[in-house]
Amino acid sequence: MPIYEYKCDDCGGVSEFLENYASKSPHNCEHCGGKNVHRVMSVFSAAMDGKSITGGSGSCSSCSSGSCSTCGL
C-alpha cells in the first residue's frame, strides 16, 4: 500500500498515512487533531548508480567521449 500525505487546513501540518488507493477513511491531523485535512501531491526522488544507468559498462553510451555531465558518468 502507498503512503499518502495529507495537509491540515487548520495548522498547515503535513501527516502521512499508509492506505489503499481507494480508501475513503477520514483522517485527523497528527499535529493539532483537526479534521480539515486534504490529500496533497508527494515529492519523491529516485537514485541510480552508474551501473544501473549504463547497463553495467560504467560509461555512457550516448556520448562519443564515453562520459558526460548529462548522466553523471
N, C-alpha and C. Protein backbone atom coordinates (compact mmCIF):
# COMPACT_ATOMS: atom_id res chain seq x y z
N MET A 1 0.84 -1.18 0.00
CA MET A 1 0.00 0.00 0.00
C MET A 1 0.88 1.25 0.00
N PRO A 2 0.47 2.27 -0.70
CA PRO A 2 1.25 3.51 -0.75
C PRO A 2 1.05 4.37 0.50
N ILE A 3 1.99 5.27 0.71
CA ILE A 3 1.89 6.26 1.77
C ILE A 3 1.40 7.55 1.13
N TYR A 4 0.34 8.11 1.69
CA TYR A 4 -0.22 9.36 1.19
C TYR A 4 0.01 10.46 2.21
N GLU A 5 0.23 11.68 1.73
CA GLU A 5 0.40 12.83 2.59
C GLU A 5 -0.88 13.64 2.60
N TYR A 6 -1.23 14.11 3.78
CA TYR A 6 -2.41 14.95 3.96
C TYR A 6 -1.98 16.24 4.65
N LYS A 7 -2.48 17.38 4.16
CA LYS A 7 -2.16 18.68 4.75
C LYS A 7 -3.38 19.19 5.50
N CYS A 8 -3.14 19.69 6.69
CA CYS A 8 -4.20 20.23 7.54
C CYS A 8 -4.45 21.69 7.17
N ASP A 9 -5.71 22.02 6.92
CA ASP A 9 -6.07 23.40 6.60
C ASP A 9 -6.10 24.28 7.85
N ASP A 10 -6.15 23.66 9.02
CA ASP A 10 -6.19 24.43 10.27
C ASP A 10 -4.79 24.90 10.71
N CYS A 11 -3.82 23.96 10.76
CA CYS A 11 -2.49 24.32 11.26
C CYS A 11 -1.40 24.28 10.20
N GLY A 12 -1.69 23.71 9.01
CA GLY A 12 -0.70 23.62 7.94
C GLY A 12 0.22 22.42 8.06
N GLY A 13 0.03 21.60 9.10
CA GLY A 13 0.85 20.41 9.29
C GLY A 13 0.60 19.36 8.22
N VAL A 14 1.63 18.59 7.91
CA VAL A 14 1.52 17.51 6.92
C VAL A 14 1.69 16.19 7.64
N SER A 15 0.75 15.27 7.42
CA SER A 15 0.78 13.94 8.03
C SER A 15 0.81 12.89 6.95
N GLU A 16 1.42 11.75 7.24
CA GLU A 16 1.50 10.64 6.29
C GLU A 16 0.66 9.48 6.81
N PHE A 17 -0.06 8.83 5.88
CA PHE A 17 -0.88 7.69 6.23
C PHE A 17 -0.68 6.58 5.20
N LEU A 18 -0.50 5.37 5.67
CA LEU A 18 -0.39 4.20 4.81
C LEU A 18 -1.81 3.71 4.54
N GLU A 19 -2.23 3.73 3.28
CA GLU A 19 -3.61 3.37 2.98
C GLU A 19 -3.77 2.89 1.55
N ASN A 20 -4.86 2.21 1.29
CA ASN A 20 -5.24 1.75 -0.03
C ASN A 20 -5.62 2.96 -0.88
N TYR A 21 -5.35 2.88 -2.18
CA TYR A 21 -5.66 3.99 -3.10
C TYR A 21 -7.11 4.43 -3.01
N ALA A 22 -8.02 3.49 -2.92
CA ALA A 22 -9.45 3.79 -2.93
C ALA A 22 -10.01 4.07 -1.53
N SER A 23 -9.16 4.15 -0.53
CA SER A 23 -9.61 4.36 0.84
C SER A 23 -10.36 5.68 0.98
N LYS A 24 -11.45 5.63 1.68
CA LYS A 24 -12.26 6.83 1.96
C LYS A 24 -12.24 7.13 3.46
N SER A 25 -11.32 6.51 4.20
CA SER A 25 -11.24 6.71 5.64
C SER A 25 -10.91 8.15 5.97
N PRO A 26 -11.65 8.76 6.90
CA PRO A 26 -11.31 10.13 7.30
C PRO A 26 -10.05 10.12 8.17
N HIS A 27 -9.29 11.19 8.10
CA HIS A 27 -8.07 11.30 8.89
C HIS A 27 -8.13 12.56 9.73
N ASN A 28 -7.48 12.50 10.87
CA ASN A 28 -7.29 13.68 11.71
C ASN A 28 -5.82 14.08 11.62
N CYS A 29 -5.58 15.37 11.71
CA CYS A 29 -4.22 15.89 11.68
C CYS A 29 -3.44 15.33 12.87
N GLU A 30 -2.24 14.83 12.62
CA GLU A 30 -1.41 14.30 13.70
C GLU A 30 -0.81 15.41 14.55
N HIS A 31 -0.87 16.66 14.08
CA HIS A 31 -0.27 17.78 14.80
C HIS A 31 -1.26 18.48 15.72
N CYS A 32 -2.44 18.79 15.22
CA CYS A 32 -3.42 19.54 16.02
C CYS A 32 -4.71 18.77 16.27
N GLY A 33 -4.87 17.61 15.62
CA GLY A 33 -6.09 16.82 15.80
C GLY A 33 -7.25 17.28 14.94
N GLY A 34 -7.02 18.29 14.10
CA GLY A 34 -8.08 18.82 13.24
C GLY A 34 -8.57 17.81 12.21
N LYS A 35 -9.79 17.99 11.79
CA LYS A 35 -10.41 17.08 10.82
C LYS A 35 -10.43 17.65 9.41
N ASN A 36 -9.94 18.86 9.24
CA ASN A 36 -9.98 19.54 7.95
C ASN A 36 -8.67 19.29 7.19
N VAL A 37 -8.48 18.04 6.72
CA VAL A 37 -7.25 17.66 6.01
C VAL A 37 -7.59 17.23 4.59
N HIS A 38 -6.65 17.43 3.69
CA HIS A 38 -6.84 17.01 2.30
C HIS A 38 -5.53 16.41 1.77
N ARG A 39 -5.67 15.47 0.86
CA ARG A 39 -4.52 14.79 0.26
C ARG A 39 -3.75 15.75 -0.63
N VAL A 40 -2.43 15.70 -0.52
CA VAL A 40 -1.56 16.55 -1.35
C VAL A 40 -0.62 15.68 -2.17
N MET A 41 -0.09 16.25 -3.23
CA MET A 41 0.89 15.55 -4.06
C MET A 41 2.19 15.42 -3.28
N SER A 42 2.74 14.24 -3.27
CA SER A 42 4.00 13.99 -2.56
C SER A 42 5.17 14.17 -3.52
N VAL A 43 6.29 14.56 -2.97
CA VAL A 43 7.53 14.68 -3.72
C VAL A 43 8.32 13.41 -3.48
N PHE A 44 8.92 12.88 -4.51
CA PHE A 44 9.73 11.68 -4.34
C PHE A 44 11.01 11.84 -5.14
N SER A 45 11.97 11.01 -4.81
CA SER A 45 13.21 11.03 -5.59
C SER A 45 13.63 9.60 -5.85
N ALA A 46 14.36 9.43 -6.91
CA ALA A 46 14.89 8.12 -7.26
C ALA A 46 16.37 8.27 -7.54
N ALA A 47 17.15 7.34 -7.05
CA ALA A 47 18.59 7.41 -7.27
C ALA A 47 19.04 6.13 -7.96
N MET A 48 20.00 6.28 -8.85
CA MET A 48 20.55 5.13 -9.57
C MET A 48 22.06 5.25 -9.55
N ASP A 49 22.74 4.13 -9.45
CA ASP A 49 24.19 4.19 -9.58
C ASP A 49 24.55 4.11 -11.06
N GLY A 50 25.76 4.41 -11.43
CA GLY A 50 26.18 4.43 -12.83
C GLY A 50 25.96 3.11 -13.53
N LYS A 51 26.12 1.99 -12.83
CA LYS A 51 25.93 0.69 -13.46
C LYS A 51 24.49 0.47 -13.88
N SER A 52 23.54 0.97 -13.09
CA SER A 52 22.13 0.83 -13.45
C SER A 52 21.79 1.63 -14.69
N ILE A 53 22.37 2.81 -14.81
CA ILE A 53 22.07 3.68 -15.94
C ILE A 53 22.67 3.13 -17.23
N THR A 54 23.86 2.59 -17.15
CA THR A 54 24.57 2.21 -18.36
C THR A 54 24.52 0.71 -18.66
N GLY A 55 23.83 -0.03 -17.82
CA GLY A 55 23.76 -1.47 -18.05
C GLY A 55 25.02 -2.21 -17.63
N GLY A 56 25.81 -1.59 -16.74
CA GLY A 56 26.96 -2.28 -16.19
C GLY A 56 28.29 -1.96 -16.83
N SER A 57 28.33 -1.16 -17.88
CA SER A 57 29.59 -0.89 -18.56
C SER A 57 30.41 0.18 -17.86
N GLY A 58 29.75 1.04 -17.05
CA GLY A 58 30.46 2.10 -16.35
C GLY A 58 30.76 3.30 -17.22
N SER A 59 30.30 3.32 -18.46
CA SER A 59 30.48 4.50 -19.31
C SER A 59 29.17 4.83 -20.00
N CYS A 60 29.07 6.03 -20.48
CA CYS A 60 27.86 6.50 -21.13
C CYS A 60 27.90 6.14 -22.62
N SER A 61 26.90 5.45 -23.07
CA SER A 61 26.89 5.04 -24.48
C SER A 61 26.32 6.12 -25.39
N SER A 62 25.74 7.19 -24.82
CA SER A 62 25.14 8.22 -25.66
C SER A 62 26.11 9.33 -26.02
N CYS A 63 27.32 9.31 -25.44
CA CYS A 63 28.32 10.35 -25.71
C CYS A 63 29.52 9.74 -26.40
N SER A 64 30.09 10.46 -27.32
CA SER A 64 31.25 9.95 -28.05
C SER A 64 32.47 9.79 -27.15
N SER A 65 32.56 10.60 -26.09
CA SER A 65 33.71 10.52 -25.20
C SER A 65 33.59 9.39 -24.19
N GLY A 66 32.39 8.83 -24.04
CA GLY A 66 32.18 7.77 -23.08
C GLY A 66 31.82 8.25 -21.70
N SER A 67 31.84 9.56 -21.49
CA SER A 67 31.40 10.12 -20.21
C SER A 67 30.82 11.50 -20.46
N CYS A 68 29.86 11.87 -19.65
CA CYS A 68 29.23 13.17 -19.83
C CYS A 68 28.61 13.66 -18.54
N SER A 69 28.30 14.94 -18.50
CA SER A 69 27.67 15.51 -17.32
C SER A 69 26.17 15.23 -17.31
N THR A 70 25.59 14.86 -18.44
CA THR A 70 24.15 14.61 -18.50
C THR A 70 23.75 13.41 -17.66
N CYS A 71 24.48 12.33 -17.78
CA CYS A 71 24.13 11.13 -17.00
C CYS A 71 25.02 10.97 -15.78
N GLY A 72 25.93 11.89 -15.53
CA GLY A 72 26.73 11.88 -14.34
C GLY A 72 27.91 10.91 -14.36
N LEU A 73 28.29 10.42 -15.50
CA LEU A 73 29.42 9.50 -15.58
C LEU A 73 30.64 10.17 -16.16
